[in-house]
Amino acid sequence: MSRFIVATDDMTKDQERAFLEYLKENRVGWWHYLKNLWLVDTTRSAFTAAAIRDKLADEIAPGVNLLVFRIDGTTDWAGMGPDDEKRSMFRWLLHNWKDPT
């Protein structure tokens, strides 16, 4: 299991859609509730911080500043935002972004 945090400067809607399609095509779990921030969850070994960076920088969003972190080990997070039946910022996180034990 590999987890990544992807932070970008503002991408256009088309660039965001293209990145989302890339993730979906590769059957990668993702969370994108906050603007300019993506959480990526995958078992695919081809996904590395450099591979994600290169896909964004070379094909999807050339010229956009970005940073990709690989997260290993214990996952500790906290947040503030909507969390009810209709709209939950945390549903995906609670289900998918748990400690990989």
C-alpha atoms as a PDB file:
ATOM      1  CA  MET A   1       0.000   0.000   0.000  1.00  0.00           C
ATOM      2  CA  SER A   2       1.329   3.430  -0.959  1.00  0.00           C
ATOM      3  CA  ARG A   3      -0.146   6.760   0.005  1.00  0.00           C
ATOM      4  CA  PHE A   4       0.644  10.132  -1.459  1.00  0.00           C
ATOM      5  CA  ILE A   5      -0.204  13.736  -0.762  1.00  0.00           C
ATOM      6  CA  VAL A   6      -0.270  15.823  -3.938  1.00  0.00           C
ATOM      7  CA  ALA A   7      -0.341  19.604  -3.554  1.00  0.00           C
ATOM      8  CA  THR A   8      -0.570  21.926  -6.537  1.00  0.00           C
ATOM      9  CA  ASP A   9      -0.939  25.567  -7.394  1.00  0.00           C
ATOM     10  CA  ASP A  10      -4.252  26.284  -9.037  1.00  0.00           C
ATOM     11  CA  MET A  11      -4.921  23.868 -11.861  1.00  0.00           C
ATOM     12  CA  THR A  12      -7.607  24.592 -14.425  1.00  0.00           C
ATOM     13  CA  LYS A  13     -10.811  22.566 -14.304  1.00  0.00           C
ATOM     14  CA  ASP A  14      -9.614  20.690 -17.415  1.00  0.00           C
ATOM     15  CA  GLN A  15      -6.309  19.849 -15.727  1.00  0.00           C
ATOM     16  CA  GLU A  16      -8.116  18.647 -12.605  1.00  0.00           C
ATOM     17  CA  ARG A  17     -10.410  16.477 -14.754  1.00  0.00           C
ATOM     18  CA  ALA A  18      -7.394  15.050 -16.593  1.00  0.00           C
ATOM     19  CA  PHE A  19      -5.664  14.171 -13.302  1.00  0.00           C
ATOM     20  CA  LEU A  20      -8.857  12.577 -12.006  1.00  0.00           C
ATOM     21  CA  GLU A  21      -9.155  10.517 -15.204  1.00  0.00           C
ATOM     22  CA  TYR A  22      -5.535   9.387 -14.782  1.00  0.00           C
ATOM     23  CA  LEU A  23      -6.302   8.215 -11.240  1.00  0.00           C
ATOM     24  CA  LYS A  24      -9.538   6.492 -12.281  1.00  0.00           C
ATOM     25  CA  GLU A  25      -7.927   4.775 -15.283  1.00  0.00           C
ATOM     26  CA  ASN A  26      -5.322   3.321 -12.939  1.00  0.00           C
ATOM     27  CA  ARG A  27      -7.918   2.285 -10.345  1.00  0.00           C
ATOM     28  CA  VAL A  28      -6.315   4.428  -7.677  1.00  0.00           C
ATOM     29  CA  GLY A  29      -8.181   5.599  -4.582  1.00  0.00           C
ATOM     30  CA  TRP A  30      -8.308   9.344  -4.242  1.00  0.00           C
ATOM     31  CA  TRP A  31      -9.684  12.160  -2.096  1.00  0.00           C
ATOM     32  CA  HIS A  32      -9.951  15.751  -3.316  1.00  0.00           C
ATOM     33  CA  TYR A  33     -12.157  17.702  -0.944  1.00  0.00           C
ATOM     34  CA  LEU A  34      -9.799  20.648  -0.482  1.00  0.00           C
ATOM     35  CA  LYS A  35      -8.759  22.801  -3.417  1.00  0.00           C
ATOM     36  CA  ASN A  36      -5.209  22.095  -4.614  1.00  0.00           C
ATOM     37  CA  LEU A  37      -4.820  18.993  -2.417  1.00  0.00           C
ATOM     38  CA  TRP A  38      -5.203  15.350  -3.427  1.00  0.00           C
ATOM     39  CA  LEU A  39      -4.745  12.225  -1.323  1.00  0.00           C
ATOM     40  CA  VAL A  40      -3.904   9.125  -3.350  1.00  0.00           C
ATOM     41  CA  ASP A  41      -4.093   5.542  -2.090  1.00  0.00           C
ATOM     42  CA  THR A  42      -2.832   2.638  -4.212  1.00  0.00           C
ATOM     43  CA  THR A  43      -1.371  -0.851  -4.212  1.00  0.00           C
ATOM     44  CA  ARG A  44       0.166  -0.292  -7.647  1.00  0.00           C
ATOM     45  CA  SER A  45       3.955  -0.278  -7.463  1.00  0.00           C
ATOM     46  CA  ALA A  46       4.219   1.870 -10.600  1.00  0.00           C
ATOM     47  CA  PHE A  47       2.916   4.815  -8.603  1.00  0.00           C
ATOM     48  CA  THR A  48       5.791   6.740  -7.071  1.00  0.00           C
ATOM     49  CA  ALA A  49       6.108  10.377  -6.066  1.00  0.00           C
ATOM     50  CA  ALA A  50       8.285  10.968  -9.138  1.00  0.00           C
ATOM     51  CA  ALA A  51       5.845   9.181 -11.476  1.00  0.00           C
ATOM     52  CA  ILE A  52       2.918  11.280 -10.234  1.00  0.00           C
ATOM     53  CA  ARG A  53       5.008  14.457 -10.476  1.00  0.00           C
ATOM     54  CA  ASP A  54       6.115  13.625 -14.011  1.00  0.00           C
ATOM     55  CA  LYS A  55       2.571  12.815 -15.183  1.00  0.00           C
ATOM     56  CA  LEU A  56       1.334  16.149 -13.864  1.00  0.00           C
ATOM     57  CA  ALA A  57       4.324  18.246 -14.943  1.00  0.00           C
ATOM     58  CA  ASP A  58       4.880  16.696 -18.366  1.00  0.00           C
ATOM     59  CA  GLU A  59       1.357  15.897 -19.556  1.00  0.00           C
ATOM     60  CA  ILE A  60      -1.510  17.141 -17.414  1.00  0.00           C
ATOM     61  CA  ALA A  61      -0.488  20.509 -15.939  1.00  0.00           C
ATOM     62  CA  PRO A  62       2.805  21.776 -17.393  1.00  0.00           C
ATOM     63  CA  GLY A  63       4.066  24.869 -15.625  1.00  0.00           C
ATOM     64  CA  VAL A  64       1.960  24.327 -12.489  1.00  0.00           C
ATOM     65  CA  ASN A  65       3.978  24.237  -9.272  1.00  0.00           C
ATOM     66  CA  LEU A  66       3.409  21.003  -7.379  1.00  0.00           C
ATOM     67  CA  LEU A  67       4.704  18.825  -4.592  1.00  0.00           C
ATOM     68  CA  VAL A  68       4.168  15.087  -4.084  1.00  0.00           C
ATOM     69  CA  PHE A  69       4.833  13.335  -0.766  1.00  0.00           C
ATOM     70  CA  ARG A  70       4.818   9.588  -0.200  1.00  0.00           C
ATOM     71  CA  ILE A  71       3.446   8.746   3.238  1.00  0.00           C
ATOM     72  CA  ASP A  72       4.747   5.608   4.939  1.00  0.00           C
ATOM     73  CA  GLY A  73       3.965   4.154   8.335  1.00  0.00           C
ATOM     74  CA  THR A  74       1.511   5.465  10.871  1.00  0.00           C
ATOM     75  CA  THR A  75      -1.148   7.816   9.594  1.00  0.00           C
ATOM     76  CA  ASP A  76      -2.187  10.551  12.004  1.00  0.00           C
ATOM     77  CA  TRP A  77      -4.553  13.227  10.786  1.00  0.00           C
ATOM     78  CA  ALA A  78      -7.120  15.683  12.106  1.00  0.00           C
ATOM     79  CA  GLY A  79      -9.435  18.127  10.356  1.00  0.00           C
ATOM     80  CA  MET A  80     -12.377  20.493  10.500  1.00  0.00           C
ATOM     81  CA  GLY A  81     -15.210  20.438   8.006  1.00  0.00           C
ATOM     82  CA  PRO A  82     -18.670  19.098   7.247  1.00  0.00           C
ATOM     83  CA  ASP A  83     -19.320  15.594   8.493  1.00  0.00           C
ATOM     84  CA  ASP A  84     -22.967  14.611   8.255  1.00  0.00           C
ATOM     85  CA  GLU A  85     -25.131  12.237   6.204  1.00  0.00           C
ATOM     86  CA  LYS A  86     -25.485  14.592   3.222  1.00  0.00           C
ATOM     87  CA  ARG A  87     -21.979  15.967   3.074  1.00  0.00           C
ATOM     88  CA  SER A  88     -18.959  14.425   4.738  1.00  0.00           C
ATOM     89  CA  MET A  89     -15.445  15.683   4.252  1.00  0.00           C
ATOM     90  CA  PHE A  90     -14.135  12.719   6.215  1.00  0.00           C
ATOM     91  CA  ARG A  91     -16.070   9.647   4.960  1.00  0.00           C
ATOM     92  CA  TRP A  92     -13.404   8.567   2.459  1.00  0.00           C
ATOM     93  CA  LEU A  93     -10.621   9.291   4.930  1.00  0.00           C
ATOM     94  CA  LEU A  94     -12.199   7.257   7.728  1.00  0.00           C
ATOM     95  CA  HIS A  95     -12.707   4.303   5.402  1.00  0.00           C
ATOM     96  CA  ASN A  96      -9.484   4.424   3.344  1.00  0.00           C
ATOM     97  CA  TRP A  97      -6.833   6.472   5.110  1.00  0.00           C
ATOM     98  CA  LYS A  98      -6.383   4.305   8.205  1.00  0.00           C
ATOM     99  CA  ASP A  99      -3.164   2.906   9.637  1.00  0.00           C
ATOM    100  CA  PRO A 100      -1.985   0.150   7.258  1.00  0.00           C
ATOM    101  CA  THR A 101      -1.705  -2.465  10.032  1.00  0.00           C
END
